[in-house]
Amino acid sequence: MGMKEMDRFPKSIRKAVRYIKQDATKEQLIEIKKLIDYAIERRSLRL
């Protein structure tokens, strides 16, 4: 995903993706994935 595609998302999402790409440890990546998967699943059920 290029920068133009990223521009359509809120700044908080862009910053989170940048953190994941640059600074997150392997353990943090596992926890972030669990949080994101859970949030997406919950949101999908409500739609």
C-alpha atoms as a PDB file:
ATOM      1  CA  MET A   1       0.000   0.000   0.000  1.00  0.00           C
ATOM      2  CA  GLY A   2       1.471   3.313  -1.061  1.00  0.00           C
ATOM      3  CA  MET A   3       1.223   6.693   0.582  1.00  0.00           C
ATOM      4  CA  LYS A   4      -1.711   7.787  -1.567  1.00  0.00           C
ATOM      5  CA  GLU A   5      -3.784   4.840  -0.358  1.00  0.00           C
ATOM      6  CA  MET A   6      -2.764   5.540   3.242  1.00  0.00           C
ATOM      7  CA  ASP A   7      -3.919   9.164   2.976  1.00  0.00           C
ATOM      8  CA  ARG A   8      -7.564   8.108   3.034  1.00  0.00           C
ATOM      9  CA  PHE A   9      -7.208   6.753   6.590  1.00  0.00           C
ATOM     10  CA  PRO A  10      -7.191   8.797   9.792  1.00  0.00           C
ATOM     11  CA  LYS A  11      -3.864  10.068  11.079  1.00  0.00           C
ATOM     12  CA  SER A  12      -4.001   7.668  14.031  1.00  0.00           C
ATOM     13  CA  ILE A  13      -4.107   4.663  11.694  1.00  0.00           C
ATOM     14  CA  ARG A  14      -1.228   5.995   9.616  1.00  0.00           C
ATOM     15  CA  LYS A  15       0.835   6.508  12.771  1.00  0.00           C
ATOM     16  CA  ALA A  16      -0.002   3.014  14.032  1.00  0.00           C
ATOM     17  CA  VAL A  17       1.061   1.451  10.728  1.00  0.00           C
ATOM     18  CA  ARG A  18       4.292   3.417  10.790  1.00  0.00           C
ATOM     19  CA  TYR A  19       4.951   2.196  14.345  1.00  0.00           C
ATOM     20  CA  ILE A  20       4.261  -1.405  13.313  1.00  0.00           C
ATOM     21  CA  LYS A  21       6.611  -1.132  10.342  1.00  0.00           C
ATOM     22  CA  GLN A  22       9.463   0.616  12.152  1.00  0.00           C
ATOM     23  CA  ASP A  23       9.492   0.147  15.922  1.00  0.00           C
ATOM     24  CA  ALA A  24       7.319  -2.700  17.176  1.00  0.00           C
ATOM     25  CA  THR A  25       8.998  -5.768  18.648  1.00  0.00           C
ATOM     26  CA  LYS A  26       7.880  -9.266  17.697  1.00  0.00           C
ATOM     27  CA  GLU A  27       5.978  -9.562  20.999  1.00  0.00           C
ATOM     28  CA  GLN A  28       4.267  -6.227  20.399  1.00  0.00           C
ATOM     29  CA  LEU A  29       3.305  -7.313  16.884  1.00  0.00           C
ATOM     30  CA  ILE A  30       1.599 -10.397  18.284  1.00  0.00           C
ATOM     31  CA  GLU A  31      -0.381  -8.330  20.806  1.00  0.00           C
ATOM     32  CA  ILE A  32      -1.276  -5.642  18.255  1.00  0.00           C
ATOM     33  CA  LYS A  33      -2.513  -8.319  15.846  1.00  0.00           C
ATOM     34  CA  LYS A  34      -4.744  -9.811  18.558  1.00  0.00           C
ATOM     35  CA  LEU A  35      -6.194  -6.376  19.377  1.00  0.00           C
ATOM     36  CA  ILE A  36      -6.816  -5.461  15.742  1.00  0.00           C
ATOM     37  CA  ASP A  37      -8.317  -8.857  14.887  1.00  0.00           C
ATOM     38  CA  TYR A  38     -10.644  -8.630  17.896  1.00  0.00           C
ATOM     39  CA  ALA A  39     -11.737  -5.080  17.057  1.00  0.00           C
ATOM     40  CA  ILE A  40     -12.395  -5.969  13.404  1.00  0.00           C
ATOM     41  CA  GLU A  41     -14.354  -9.078  14.369  1.00  0.00           C
ATOM     42  CA  ARG A  42     -16.522  -7.127  16.823  1.00  0.00           C
ATOM     43  CA  ARG A  43     -17.156  -4.370  14.292  1.00  0.00           C
ATOM     44  CA  SER A  44     -18.011  -6.892  11.552  1.00  0.00           C
ATOM     45  CA  LEU A  45     -20.606  -8.524  13.769  1.00  0.00           C
ATOM     46  CA  ARG A  46     -22.322  -5.173  14.341  1.00  0.00           C
ATOM     47  CA  LEU A  47     -22.564  -4.334  10.634  1.00  0.00           C
END
